[in-house]
């Protein structure tokens, strides 16, 4: 089972997917259209690139902070949350999903993933 399919099977997960760091490919499972999945993959890729840039800046000020490389990010809004680890994203309905459970799964399954931008 793919990571996206596994995530999509959890309660409250609206959609989950994977994207390439080059930005030319993506795949997804869930309750969104192909166009929405493409926009989600672009957004997640851009945010991940920004996260890496910010971590590089932090590392220049604090080389021993043990914060590099970044492993993921979360953006929580009033109704939905977006979780991203490596190149896998997950959209959650805040009323039904457990962010802790989803992030624990993603961090466990993607612990050995290459977190560098390729």
PDB file of N, CA and C in Angstrom:
ATOM      1  N   UNK A   1       0.843  -1.167   0.000  1.00  0.00           N
ATOM      2  CA  UNK A   1       0.000   0.000   0.000  1.00  0.00           C
ATOM      3  C   UNK A   1       0.896   1.239   0.000  1.00  0.00           C
ATOM      4  N   UNK A   2       0.568   2.204  -0.851  1.00  0.00           N
ATOM      5  CA  UNK A   2       1.365   3.433  -0.895  1.00  0.00           C
ATOM      6  C   UNK A   2       1.108   4.267   0.347  1.00  0.00           C
ATOM      7  N   UNK A   3       2.029   5.163   0.624  1.00  0.00           N
ATOM      8  CA  UNK A   3       1.878   6.049   1.783  1.00  0.00           C
ATOM      9  C   UNK A   3       0.612   6.881   1.646  1.00  0.00           C
ATOM     10  N   UNK A   4       0.329   7.398   0.449  1.00  0.00           N
ATOM     11  CA  UNK A   4      -0.870   8.211   0.234  1.00  0.00           C
ATOM     12  C   UNK A   4      -2.132   7.392   0.484  1.00  0.00           C
ATOM     13  N   UNK A   5      -2.165   6.163  -0.003  1.00  0.00           N
ATOM     14  CA  UNK A   5      -3.339   5.313   0.211  1.00  0.00           C
ATOM     15  C   UNK A   5      -3.521   4.984   1.680  1.00  0.00           C
ATOM     16  N   UNK A   6      -2.425   4.718   2.377  1.00  0.00           N
ATOM     17  CA  UNK A   6      -2.513   4.421   3.805  1.00  0.00           C
ATOM     18  C   UNK A   6      -3.049   5.632   4.570  1.00  0.00           C
ATOM     19  N   UNK A   7      -2.508   6.812   4.288  1.00  0.00           N
ATOM     20  CA  UNK A   7      -2.977   8.024   4.960  1.00  0.00           C
ATOM     21  C   UNK A   7      -4.444   8.303   4.651  1.00  0.00           C
ATOM     22  N   UNK A   8      -4.828   8.117   3.397  1.00  0.00           N
ATOM     23  CA  UNK A   8      -6.212   8.395   2.977  1.00  0.00           C
ATOM     24  C   UNK A   8      -7.222   7.484   3.671  1.00  0.00           C
ATOM     25  N   UNK A   9      -6.770   6.372   4.206  1.00  0.00           N
ATOM     26  CA  UNK A   9      -7.686   5.453   4.875  1.00  0.00           C
ATOM     27  C   UNK A   9      -7.992   5.856   6.324  1.00  0.00           C
ATOM     28  N   UNK A  10      -7.278   6.844   6.849  1.00  0.00           N
ATOM     29  CA  UNK A  10      -7.489   7.275   8.231  1.00  0.00           C
ATOM     30  C   UNK A  10      -8.692   8.208   8.337  1.00  0.00           C
ATOM     31  N   UNK A  11      -9.398   8.160   9.468  1.00  0.00           N
ATOM     32  CA  UNK A  11     -10.546   9.049   9.663  1.00  0.00           C
ATOM     33  C   UNK A  11     -10.124  10.519   9.605  1.00  0.00           C
ATOM     34  N   UNK A  12     -10.893  11.313   8.894  1.00  0.00           N
ATOM     35  CA  UNK A  12     -10.647  12.742   8.821  1.00  0.00           C
ATOM     36  C   UNK A  12      -9.630  13.172   7.792  1.00  0.00           C
ATOM     37  N   UNK A  13      -8.996  12.223   7.114  1.00  0.00           N
ATOM     38  CA  UNK A  13      -8.040  12.587   6.064  1.00  0.00           C
ATOM     39  C   UNK A  13      -8.832  12.869   4.789  1.00  0.00           C
ATOM     40  N   UNK A  14      -8.737  14.099   4.310  1.00  0.00           N
ATOM     41  CA  UNK A  14      -9.446  14.508   3.105  1.00  0.00           C
ATOM     42  C   UNK A  14      -8.708  14.006   1.875  1.00  0.00           C
ATOM     43  N   UNK A  15      -7.389  14.134   1.891  1.00  0.00           N
ATOM     44  CA  UNK A  15      -6.569  13.670   0.769  1.00  0.00           C
ATOM     45  C   UNK A  15      -5.119  13.553   1.223  1.00  0.00           C
ATOM     46  N   UNK A  16      -4.379  12.735   0.516  1.00  0.00           N
ATOM     47  CA  UNK A  16      -2.948  12.575   0.770  1.00  0.00           C
ATOM     48  C   UNK A  16      -2.270  12.311  -0.565  1.00  0.00           C
ATOM     49  N   UNK A  17      -1.018  12.714  -0.653  1.00  0.00           N
ATOM     50  CA  UNK A  17      -0.329  12.507  -1.911  1.00  0.00           C
ATOM     51  C   UNK A  17       1.167  12.653  -1.782  1.00  0.00           C
ATOM     52  N   UNK A  18       1.818  12.435  -2.904  1.00  0.00           N
ATOM     53  CA  UNK A  18       3.270  12.572  -3.006  1.00  0.00           C
ATOM     54  C   UNK A  18       3.564  13.467  -4.197  1.00  0.00           C
ATOM     55  N   UNK A  19       4.658  14.211  -4.118  1.00  0.00           N
ATOM     56  CA  UNK A  19       5.060  15.086  -5.217  1.00  0.00           C
ATOM     57  C   UNK A  19       6.553  14.955  -5.433  1.00  0.00           C
ATOM     58  N   UNK A  20       6.977  15.260  -6.657  1.00  0.00           N
ATOM     59  CA  UNK A  20       8.413  15.239  -6.937  1.00  0.00           C
ATOM     60  C   UNK A  20       8.987  16.595  -6.572  1.00  0.00           C
ATOM     61  N   UNK A  21      10.220  16.611  -6.135  1.00  0.00           N
ATOM     62  CA  UNK A  21      10.859  17.873  -5.780  1.00  0.00           C
ATOM     63  C   UNK A  21      11.087  18.750  -7.007  1.00  0.00           C
ATOM     64  N   UNK A  22      11.133  18.140  -8.197  1.00  0.00           N
ATOM     65  CA  UNK A  22      11.264  18.937  -9.423  1.00  0.00           C
ATOM     66  C   UNK A  22       9.957  19.637  -9.759  1.00  0.00           C
ATOM     67  N   UNK A  23       8.849  19.144  -9.220  1.00  0.00           N
ATOM     68  CA  UNK A  23       7.556  19.780  -9.437  1.00  0.00           C
ATOM     69  C   UNK A  23       6.809  19.288 -10.661  1.00  0.00           C
ATOM     70  N   UNK A  24       7.305  18.238 -11.307  1.00  0.00           N
ATOM     71  CA  UNK A  24       6.658  17.805 -12.534  1.00  0.00           C
ATOM     72  C   UNK A  24       5.773  16.569 -12.383  1.00  0.00           C
ATOM     73  N   UNK A  25       5.749  15.964 -11.193  1.00  0.00           N
ATOM     74  CA  UNK A  25       4.919  14.766 -10.998  1.00  0.00           C
ATOM     75  C   UNK A  25       4.272  14.808  -9.626  1.00  0.00           C
ATOM     76  N   UNK A  26       3.102  14.178  -9.539  1.00  0.00           N
ATOM     77  CA  UNK A  26       2.418  14.031  -8.259  1.00  0.00           C
ATOM     78  C   UNK A  26       1.446  12.876  -8.375  1.00  0.00           C
ATOM     79  N   UNK A  27       1.075  12.322  -7.233  1.00  0.00           N
ATOM     80  CA  UNK A  27       0.028  11.304  -7.169  1.00  0.00           C
ATOM     81  C   UNK A  27      -0.737  11.553  -5.884  1.00  0.00           C
ATOM     82  N   UNK A  28      -1.994  11.096  -5.832  1.00  0.00           N
ATOM     83  CA  UNK A  28      -2.802  11.361  -4.649  1.00  0.00           C
ATOM     84  C   UNK A  28      -3.938  10.355  -4.521  1.00  0.00           C
ATOM     85  N   UNK A  29      -4.489  10.296  -3.329  1.00  0.00           N
ATOM     86  CA  UNK A  29      -5.691   9.535  -3.021  1.00  0.00           C
ATOM     87  C   UNK A  29      -6.575  10.448  -2.180  1.00  0.00           C
ATOM     88  N   UNK A  30      -7.866  10.377  -2.380  1.00  0.00           N
ATOM     89  CA  UNK A  30      -8.749  11.143  -1.524  1.00  0.00           C
ATOM     90  C   UNK A  30      -9.838  11.889  -2.254  1.00  0.00           C
ATOM     91  N   UNK A  31     -10.425  12.826  -1.533  1.00  0.00           N
ATOM     92  CA  UNK A  31     -11.643  13.502  -1.960  1.00  0.00           C
ATOM     93  C   UNK A  31     -11.370  14.867  -2.581  1.00  0.00           C
ATOM     94  N   UNK A  32     -10.380  14.952  -3.455  1.00  0.00           N
ATOM     95  CA  UNK A  32     -10.097  16.190  -4.176  1.00  0.00           C
ATOM     96  C   UNK A  32      -9.961  15.857  -5.657  1.00  0.00           C
ATOM     97  N   UNK A  33     -10.077  16.883  -6.481  1.00  0.00           N
ATOM     98  CA  UNK A  33      -9.938  16.687  -7.922  1.00  0.00           C
ATOM     99  C   UNK A  33      -8.465  16.644  -8.298  1.00  0.00           C
ATOM    100  N   UNK A  34      -8.214  16.228  -9.517  1.00  0.00           N
ATOM    101  CA  UNK A  34      -6.841  16.193 -10.015  1.00  0.00           C
ATOM    102  C   UNK A  34      -6.241  17.600 -10.027  1.00  0.00           C
ATOM    103  N   UNK A  35      -7.035  18.596 -10.402  1.00  0.00           N
ATOM    104  CA  UNK A  35      -6.558  19.976 -10.421  1.00  0.00           C
ATOM    105  C   UNK A  35      -6.205  20.453  -9.004  1.00  0.00           C
ATOM    106  N   UNK A  36      -7.035  20.109  -8.030  1.00  0.00           N
ATOM    107  CA  UNK A  36      -6.750  20.476  -6.644  1.00  0.00           C
ATOM    108  C   UNK A  36      -5.486  19.777  -6.151  1.00  0.00           C
ATOM    109  N   UNK A  37      -5.297  18.521  -6.535  1.00  0.00           N
ATOM    110  CA  UNK A  37      -4.094  17.781  -6.130  1.00  0.00           C
ATOM    111  C   UNK A  37      -2.845  18.405  -6.746  1.00  0.00           C
ATOM    112  N   UNK A  38      -2.956  18.850  -7.982  1.00  0.00           N
ATOM    113  CA  UNK A  38      -1.816  19.511  -8.619  1.00  0.00           C
ATOM    114  C   UNK A  38      -1.480  20.804  -7.868  1.00  0.00           C
ATOM    115  N   UNK A  39      -2.499  21.605  -7.532  1.00  0.00           N
ATOM    116  CA  UNK A  39      -2.257  22.835  -6.769  1.00  0.00           C
ATOM    117  C   UNK A  39      -1.682  22.525  -5.395  1.00  0.00           C
ATOM    118  N   UNK A  40      -2.184  21.456  -4.755  1.00  0.00           N
ATOM    119  CA  UNK A  40      -1.672  21.063  -3.439  1.00  0.00           C
ATOM    120  C   UNK A  40      -0.204  20.672  -3.525  1.00  0.00           C
ATOM    121  N   UNK A  41       0.150  19.924  -4.557  1.00  0.00           N
ATOM    122  CA  UNK A  41       1.548  19.500  -4.685  1.00  0.00           C
ATOM    123  C   UNK A  41       2.461  20.698  -4.943  1.00  0.00           C
ATOM    124  N   UNK A  42       1.991  21.670  -5.722  1.00  0.00           N
ATOM    125  CA  UNK A  42       2.783  22.879  -5.971  1.00  0.00           C
ATOM    126  C   UNK A  42       2.954  23.671  -4.677  1.00  0.00           C
ATOM    127  N   UNK A  43       1.857  23.823  -3.926  1.00  0.00           N
ATOM    128  CA  UNK A  43       1.920  24.549  -2.662  1.00  0.00           C
ATOM    129  C   UNK A  43       2.862  23.865  -1.686  1.00  0.00           C
ATOM    130  N   UNK A  44       2.748  22.548  -1.573  1.00  0.00           N
ATOM    131  CA  UNK A  44       3.592  21.807  -0.624  1.00  0.00           C
ATOM    132  C   UNK A  44       5.055  21.850  -1.033  1.00  0.00           C
ATOM    133  N   UNK A  45       5.321  21.759  -2.304  1.00  0.00           N
ATOM    134  CA  UNK A  45       6.704  21.849  -2.784  1.00  0.00           C
ATOM    135  C   UNK A  45       7.277  23.220  -2.468  1.00  0.00           C
ATOM    136  N   UNK A  46       6.516  24.296  -2.750  1.00  0.00           N
ATOM    137  CA  UNK A  46       6.985  25.662  -2.485  1.00  0.00           C
ATOM    138  C   UNK A  46       7.225  25.880  -0.994  1.00  0.00           C
ATOM    139  N   UNK A  47       6.326  25.385  -0.163  1.00  0.00           N
ATOM    140  CA  UNK A  47       6.478  25.552   1.280  1.00  0.00           C
ATOM    141  C   UNK A  47       7.683  24.762   1.781  1.00  0.00           C
ATOM    142  N   UNK A  48       7.893  23.570   1.261  1.00  0.00           N
ATOM    143  CA  UNK A  48       9.055  22.769   1.645  1.00  0.00           C
ATOM    144  C   UNK A  48      10.350  23.464   1.237  1.00  0.00           C
ATOM    145  N   UNK A  49      10.370  24.050   0.044  1.00  0.00           N
ATOM    146  CA  UNK A  49      11.562  24.785  -0.391  1.00  0.00           C
ATOM    147  C   UNK A  49      11.819  25.978   0.536  1.00  0.00           C
ATOM    148  N   UNK A  50      10.768  26.666   0.932  1.00  0.00           N
ATOM    149  CA  UNK A  50      10.901  27.791   1.855  1.00  0.00           C
ATOM    150  C   UNK A  50      11.414  27.322   3.213  1.00  0.00           C
ATOM    151  N   UNK A  51      10.886  26.203   3.666  1.00  0.00           N
ATOM    152  CA  UNK A  51      11.333  25.629   4.945  1.00  0.00           C
ATOM    153  C   UNK A  51      12.832  25.332   4.892  1.00  0.00           C
ATOM    154  N   UNK A  52      13.296  24.755   3.811  1.00  0.00           N
ATOM    155  CA  UNK A  52      14.720  24.438   3.670  1.00  0.00           C
ATOM    156  C   UNK A  52      15.566  25.714   3.642  1.00  0.00           C
ATOM    157  N   UNK A  53      15.083  26.745   2.957  1.00  0.00           N
ATOM    158  CA  UNK A  53      15.810  28.015   2.915  1.00  0.00           C
ATOM    159  C   UNK A  53      15.902  28.614   4.317  1.00  0.00           C
ATOM    160  N   UNK A  54      14.791  28.632   5.041  1.00  0.00           N
ATOM    161  CA  UNK A  54      14.787  29.188   6.389  1.00  0.00           C
ATOM    162  C   UNK A  54      15.700  28.394   7.317  1.00  0.00           C
ATOM    163  N   UNK A  55      15.707  27.086   7.165  1.00  0.00           N
ATOM    164  CA  UNK A  55      16.577  26.261   8.001  1.00  0.00           C
ATOM    165  C   UNK A  55      18.039  26.528   7.675  1.00  0.00           C
ATOM    166  N   UNK A  56      18.357  26.771   6.409  1.00  0.00           N
ATOM    167  CA  UNK A  56      19.717  27.127   6.024  1.00  0.00           C
ATOM    168  C   UNK A  56      20.149  28.446   6.651  1.00  0.00           C
ATOM    169  N   UNK A  57      19.222  29.404   6.696  1.00  0.00           N
ATOM    170  CA  UNK A  57      19.522  30.689   7.333  1.00  0.00           C
ATOM    171  C   UNK A  57      19.737  30.496   8.833  1.00  0.00           C
ATOM    172  N   UNK A  58      18.893  29.714   9.472  1.00  0.00           N
ATOM    173  CA  UNK A  58      19.040  29.458  10.902  1.00  0.00           C
ATOM    174  C   UNK A  58      20.370  28.764  11.186  1.00  0.00           C
ATOM    175  N   UNK A  59      20.716  27.817  10.330  1.00  0.00           N
ATOM    176  CA  UNK A  59      21.971  27.076  10.519  1.00  0.00           C
ATOM    177  C   UNK A  59      23.182  27.999  10.429  1.00  0.00           C
ATOM    178  N   UNK A  60      23.093  29.027   9.593  1.00  0.00           N
ATOM    179  CA  UNK A  60      24.226  29.964   9.495  1.00  0.00           C
ATOM    180  C   UNK A  60      24.404  30.765  10.782  1.00  0.00           C
ATOM    181  N   UNK A  61      23.329  30.992  11.505  1.00  0.00           N
ATOM    182  CA  UNK A  61      23.411  31.715  12.781  1.00  0.00           C
ATOM    183  C   UNK A  61      23.685  30.778  13.958  1.00  0.00           C
ATOM    184  N   UNK A  62      23.258  29.541  13.824  1.00  0.00           N
ATOM    185  CA  UNK A  62      23.398  28.594  14.929  1.00  0.00           C
ATOM    186  C   UNK A  62      23.763  27.217  14.358  1.00  0.00           C
ATOM    187  N   UNK A  63      25.024  27.029  13.999  1.00  0.00           N
ATOM    188  CA  UNK A  63      25.422  25.778  13.335  1.00  0.00           C
ATOM    189  C   UNK A  63      25.257  24.527  14.192  1.00  0.00           C
ATOM    190  N   UNK A  64      25.195  24.677  15.500  1.00  0.00           N
ATOM    191  CA  UNK A  64      25.091  23.514  16.383  1.00  0.00           C
ATOM    192  C   UNK A  64      23.689  23.320  16.961  1.00  0.00           C
ATOM    193  N   UNK A  65      22.682  23.902  16.329  1.00  0.00           N
ATOM    194  CA  UNK A  65      21.302  23.810  16.848  1.00  0.00           C
ATOM    195  C   UNK A  65      20.625  22.480  16.522  1.00  0.00           C
ATOM    196  N   UNK A  66      21.247  21.648  15.728  1.00  0.00           N
ATOM    197  CA  UNK A  66      20.699  20.329  15.362  1.00  0.00           C
ATOM    198  C   UNK A  66      19.319  20.429  14.733  1.00  0.00           C
ATOM    199  N   UNK A  67      19.149  21.413  13.875  1.00  0.00           N
ATOM    200  CA  UNK A  67      17.851  21.590  13.236  1.00  0.00           C
ATOM    201  C   UNK A  67      17.889  21.291  11.744  1.00  0.00           C
ATOM    202  N   UNK A  68      19.000  20.799  11.265  1.00  0.00           N
ATOM    203  CA  UNK A  68      19.159  20.554   9.838  1.00  0.00           C
ATOM    204  C   UNK A  68      19.389  19.078   9.594  1.00  0.00           C
ATOM    205  N   UNK A  69      18.779  18.426   8.672  1.00  0.00           N
ATOM    206  CA  UNK A  69      17.810  18.976   7.738  1.00  0.00           C
ATOM    207  C   UNK A  69      16.403  18.993   8.346  1.00  0.00           C
ATOM    208  N   UNK A  70      15.530  19.851   7.825  1.00  0.00           N
ATOM    209  CA  UNK A  70      14.157  19.844   8.307  1.00  0.00           C
ATOM    210  C   UNK A  70      13.450  18.565   7.856  1.00  0.00           C
ATOM    211  N   UNK A  71      12.521  18.103   8.640  1.00  0.00           N
ATOM    212  CA  UNK A  71      11.831  16.851   8.318  1.00  0.00           C
ATOM    213  C   UNK A  71      10.383  17.044   7.913  1.00  0.00           C
ATOM    214  N   UNK A  72       9.832  18.213   8.118  1.00  0.00           N
ATOM    215  CA  UNK A  72       8.454  18.414   7.725  1.00  0.00           C
ATOM    216  C   UNK A  72       7.875  19.677   8.306  1.00  0.00           C
ATOM    217  N   UNK A  73       6.607  19.903   8.027  1.00  0.00           N
ATOM    218  CA  UNK A  73       5.933  21.094   8.509  1.00  0.00           C
ATOM    219  C   UNK A  73       4.433  20.837   8.615  1.00  0.00           C
ATOM    220  N   UNK A  74       3.763  21.709   9.384  1.00  0.00           N
ATOM    221  CA  UNK A  74       2.307  21.641   9.573  1.00  0.00           C
ATOM    222  C   UNK A  74       1.768  23.063   9.475  1.00  0.00           C
ATOM    223  N   UNK A  75       0.669  23.233   8.754  1.00  0.00           N
ATOM    224  CA  UNK A  75      -0.065  24.495   8.730  1.00  0.00           C
ATOM    225  C   UNK A  75      -1.492  24.164   9.140  1.00  0.00           C
ATOM    226  N   UNK A  76      -1.940  24.809  10.228  1.00  0.00           N
ATOM    227  CA  UNK A  76      -3.273  24.521  10.755  1.00  0.00           C
ATOM    228  C   UNK A  76      -4.158  25.745  10.587  1.00  0.00           C
ATOM    229  N   UNK A  77      -5.286  25.545   9.948  1.00  0.00           N
ATOM    230  CA  UNK A  77      -6.285  26.590   9.802  1.00  0.00           C
ATOM    231  C   UNK A  77      -7.499  26.247  10.635  1.00  0.00           C
ATOM    232  N   UNK A  78      -8.553  27.061  10.570  1.00  0.00           N
ATOM    233  CA  UNK A  78      -9.731  26.822  11.403  1.00  0.00           C
ATOM    234  C   UNK A  78     -10.462  25.519  11.065  1.00  0.00           C
ATOM    235  N   UNK A  79     -10.429  25.093   9.812  1.00  0.00           N
ATOM    236  CA  UNK A  79     -11.160  23.882   9.433  1.00  0.00           C
ATOM    237  C   UNK A  79     -10.285  22.723   8.999  1.00  0.00           C
ATOM    238  N   UNK A  80      -9.132  23.052   8.424  1.00  0.00           N
ATOM    239  CA  UNK A  80      -8.272  22.028   7.853  1.00  0.00           C
ATOM    240  C   UNK A  80      -6.823  22.238   8.261  1.00  0.00           C
ATOM    241  N   UNK A  81      -6.067  21.148   8.239  1.00  0.00           N
ATOM    242  CA  UNK A  81      -4.640  21.173   8.520  1.00  0.00           C
ATOM    243  C   UNK A  81      -3.917  20.485   7.376  1.00  0.00           C
ATOM    244  N   UNK A  82      -2.765  21.021   7.007  1.00  0.00           N
ATOM    245  CA  UNK A  82      -1.900  20.386   6.012  1.00  0.00           C
ATOM    246  C   UNK A  82      -0.649  19.923   6.733  1.00  0.00           C
ATOM    247  N   UNK A  83      -0.324  18.651   6.581  1.00  0.00           N
ATOM    248  CA  UNK A  83       0.894  18.067   7.141  1.00  0.00           C
ATOM    249  C   UNK A  83       1.787  17.642   5.984  1.00  0.00           C
ATOM    250  N   UNK A  84       3.084  17.844   6.123  1.00  0.00           N
ATOM    251  CA  UNK A  84       4.015  17.460   5.077  1.00  0.00           C
ATOM    252  C   UNK A  84       5.286  16.907   5.708  1.00  0.00           C
ATOM    253  N   UNK A  85       5.705  15.734   5.270  1.00  0.00           N
ATOM    254  CA  UNK A  85       6.977  15.144   5.679  1.00  0.00           C
ATOM    255  C   UNK A  85       7.641  14.638   4.404  1.00  0.00           C
ATOM    256  N   UNK A  86       8.923  14.997   4.241  1.00  0.00           N
ATOM    257  CA  UNK A  86       9.658  14.673   3.020  1.00  0.00           C
ATOM    258  C   UNK A  86       8.852  15.213   1.840  1.00  0.00           C
ATOM    259  N   UNK A  87       8.411  14.365   0.923  1.00  0.00           N
ATOM    260  CA  UNK A  87       7.618  14.827  -0.219  1.00  0.00           C
ATOM    261  C   UNK A  87       6.205  14.237  -0.193  1.00  0.00           C
ATOM    262  N   UNK A  88       5.682  14.009   1.000  1.00  0.00           N
ATOM    263  CA  UNK A  88       4.334  13.456   1.186  1.00  0.00           C
ATOM    264  C   UNK A  88       3.483  14.487   1.919  1.00  0.00           C
ATOM    265  N   UNK A  89       2.289  14.763   1.383  1.00  0.00           N
ATOM    266  CA  UNK A  89       1.385  15.705   2.021  1.00  0.00           C
ATOM    267  C   UNK A  89       0.091  15.025   2.433  1.00  0.00           C
ATOM    268  N   UNK A  90      -0.581  15.626   3.404  1.00  0.00           N
ATOM    269  CA  UNK A  90      -1.831  15.085   3.913  1.00  0.00           C
ATOM    270  C   UNK A  90      -2.720  16.252   4.338  1.00  0.00           C
ATOM    271  N   UNK A  91      -3.962  16.287   3.853  1.00  0.00           N
ATOM    272  CA  UNK A  91      -4.934  17.307   4.226  1.00  0.00           C
ATOM    273  C   UNK A  91      -5.918  16.686   5.198  1.00  0.00           C
ATOM    274  N   UNK A  92      -6.091  17.328   6.359  1.00  0.00           N
ATOM    275  CA  UNK A  92      -6.928  16.781   7.423  1.00  0.00           C
ATOM    276  C   UNK A  92      -8.113  17.695   7.714  1.00  0.00           C
ATOM    277  N   UNK A  93      -9.245  17.097   8.019  1.00  0.00           N
ATOM    278  CA  UNK A  93     -10.396  17.810   8.553  1.00  0.00           C
ATOM    279  C   UNK A  93     -10.190  17.880  10.063  1.00  0.00           C
ATOM    280  N   UNK A  94     -10.074  19.084  10.608  1.00  0.00           N
ATOM    281  CA  UNK A  94      -9.739  19.243  12.030  1.00  0.00           C
ATOM    282  C   UNK A  94     -10.763  18.632  12.978  1.00  0.00           C
ATOM    283  N   UNK A  95     -12.014  18.506  12.545  1.00  0.00           N
ATOM    284  CA  UNK A  95     -13.043  17.959  13.431  1.00  0.00           C
ATOM    285  C   UNK A  95     -12.938  16.452  13.590  1.00  0.00           C
ATOM    286  N   UNK A  96     -12.321  15.786  12.618  1.00  0.00           N
ATOM    287  CA  UNK A  96     -12.349  14.320  12.603  1.00  0.00           C
ATOM    288  C   UNK A  96     -10.989  13.652  12.724  1.00  0.00           C
ATOM    289  N   UNK A  97      -9.924  14.347  12.346  1.00  0.00           N
ATOM    290  CA  UNK A  97      -8.608  13.708  12.272  1.00  0.00           C
ATOM    291  C   UNK A  97      -7.754  14.040  13.492  1.00  0.00           C
ATOM    292  N   UNK A  98      -6.815  13.169  13.768  1.00  0.00           N
ATOM    293  CA  UNK A  98      -5.836  13.388  14.827  1.00  0.00           C
ATOM    294  C   UNK A  98      -4.507  13.778  14.187  1.00  0.00           C
ATOM    295  N   UNK A  99      -4.132  15.056  14.337  1.00  0.00           N
ATOM    296  CA  UNK A  99      -2.857  15.520  13.787  1.00  0.00           C
ATOM    297  C   UNK A  99      -1.707  14.719  14.391  1.00  0.00           C
ATOM    298  N   UNK A 100      -1.772  14.459  15.688  1.00  0.00           N
ATOM    299  CA  UNK A 100      -0.705  13.697  16.349  1.00  0.00           C
ATOM    300  C   UNK A 100      -0.559  12.307  15.750  1.00  0.00           C
ATOM    301  N   UNK A 101      -1.665  11.627  15.521  1.00  0.00           N
ATOM    302  CA  UNK A 101      -1.624  10.275  14.974  1.00  0.00           C
ATOM    303  C   UNK A 101      -1.072  10.280  13.550  1.00  0.00           C
ATOM    304  N   UNK A 102      -1.533  11.226  12.743  1.00  0.00           N
ATOM    305  CA  UNK A 102      -1.083  11.298  11.350  1.00  0.00           C
ATOM    306  C   UNK A 102       0.400  11.658  11.273  1.00  0.00           C
ATOM    307  N   UNK A 103       0.831  12.651  12.045  1.00  0.00           N
ATOM    308  CA  UNK A 103       2.246  13.040  12.015  1.00  0.00           C
ATOM    309  C   UNK A 103       3.145  11.925  12.554  1.00  0.00           C
ATOM    310  N   UNK A 104       2.697  11.225  13.577  1.00  0.00           N
ATOM    311  CA  UNK A 104       3.486  10.105  14.105  1.00  0.00           C
ATOM    312  C   UNK A 104       3.666   9.037  13.030  1.00  0.00           C
ATOM    313  N   UNK A 105       2.590   8.733  12.316  1.00  0.00           N
ATOM    314  CA  UNK A 105       2.663   7.750  11.231  1.00  0.00           C
ATOM    315  C   UNK A 105       3.617   8.231  10.141  1.00  0.00           C
ATOM    316  N   UNK A 106       3.462   9.478   9.724  1.00  0.00           N
ATOM    317  CA  UNK A 106       4.313  10.003   8.657  1.00  0.00           C
ATOM    318  C   UNK A 106       5.788  10.014   9.076  1.00  0.00           C
ATOM    319  N   UNK A 107       6.065  10.466  10.295  1.00  0.00           N
ATOM    320  CA  UNK A 107       7.450  10.509  10.757  1.00  0.00           C
ATOM    321  C   UNK A 107       8.046   9.105  10.877  1.00  0.00           C
ATOM    322  N   UNK A 108       7.239   8.150  11.313  1.00  0.00           N
ATOM    323  CA  UNK A 108       7.714   6.770  11.445  1.00  0.00           C
ATOM    324  C   UNK A 108       7.978   6.157  10.076  1.00  0.00           C
ATOM    325  N   UNK A 109       7.022   6.288   9.173  1.00  0.00           N
ATOM    326  CA  UNK A 109       7.148   5.669   7.845  1.00  0.00           C
ATOM    327  C   UNK A 109       8.176   6.362   6.954  1.00  0.00           C
ATOM    328  N   UNK A 110       8.384   7.671   7.174  1.00  0.00           N
ATOM    329  CA  UNK A 110       9.274   8.436   6.302  1.00  0.00           C
ATOM    330  C   UNK A 110      10.585   8.813   6.991  1.00  0.00           C
ATOM    331  N   UNK A 111      10.895   8.146   8.091  1.00  0.00           N
ATOM    332  CA  UNK A 111      12.108   8.461   8.859  1.00  0.00           C
ATOM    333  C   UNK A 111      13.373   8.315   8.018  1.00  0.00           C
ATOM    334  N   UNK A 112      13.395   7.361   7.116  1.00  0.00           N
ATOM    335  CA  UNK A 112      14.588   7.120   6.305  1.00  0.00           C
ATOM    336  C   UNK A 112      14.531   7.822   4.956  1.00  0.00           C
ATOM    337  N   UNK A 113      13.484   8.611   4.724  1.00  0.00           N
ATOM    338  CA  UNK A 113      13.357   9.312   3.439  1.00  0.00           C
ATOM    339  C   UNK A 113      14.418  10.390   3.302  1.00  0.00           C
ATOM    340  N   UNK A 114      14.797  10.662   2.093  1.00  0.00           N
ATOM    341  CA  UNK A 114      15.738  11.743   1.841  1.00  0.00           C
ATOM    342  C   UNK A 114      14.990  13.055   1.996  1.00  0.00           C
ATOM    343  N   UNK A 115      15.370  13.850   2.970  1.00  0.00           N
ATOM    344  CA  UNK A 115      14.676  15.103   3.238  1.00  0.00           C
ATOM    345  C   UNK A 115      15.332  16.282   2.519  1.00  0.00           C
ATOM    346  N   UNK A 116      16.371  16.015   1.755  1.00  0.00           N
ATOM    347  CA  UNK A 116      17.007  17.068   0.982  1.00  0.00           C
ATOM    348  C   UNK A 116      16.247  17.285  -0.308  1.00  0.00           C
ATOM    349  N   UNK A 117      16.304  18.499  -0.817  1.00  0.00           N
ATOM    350  CA  UNK A 117      15.649  18.793  -2.096  1.00  0.00           C
ATOM    351  C   UNK A 117      16.523  18.276  -3.217  1.00  0.00           C
ATOM    352  N   UNK A 118      15.932  17.484  -4.079  1.00  0.00           N
ATOM    353  CA  UNK A 118      16.672  16.880  -5.186  1.00  0.00           C
ATOM    354  C   UNK A 118      16.400  17.657  -6.448  1.00  0.00           C
TER     355      UNK A 118
END
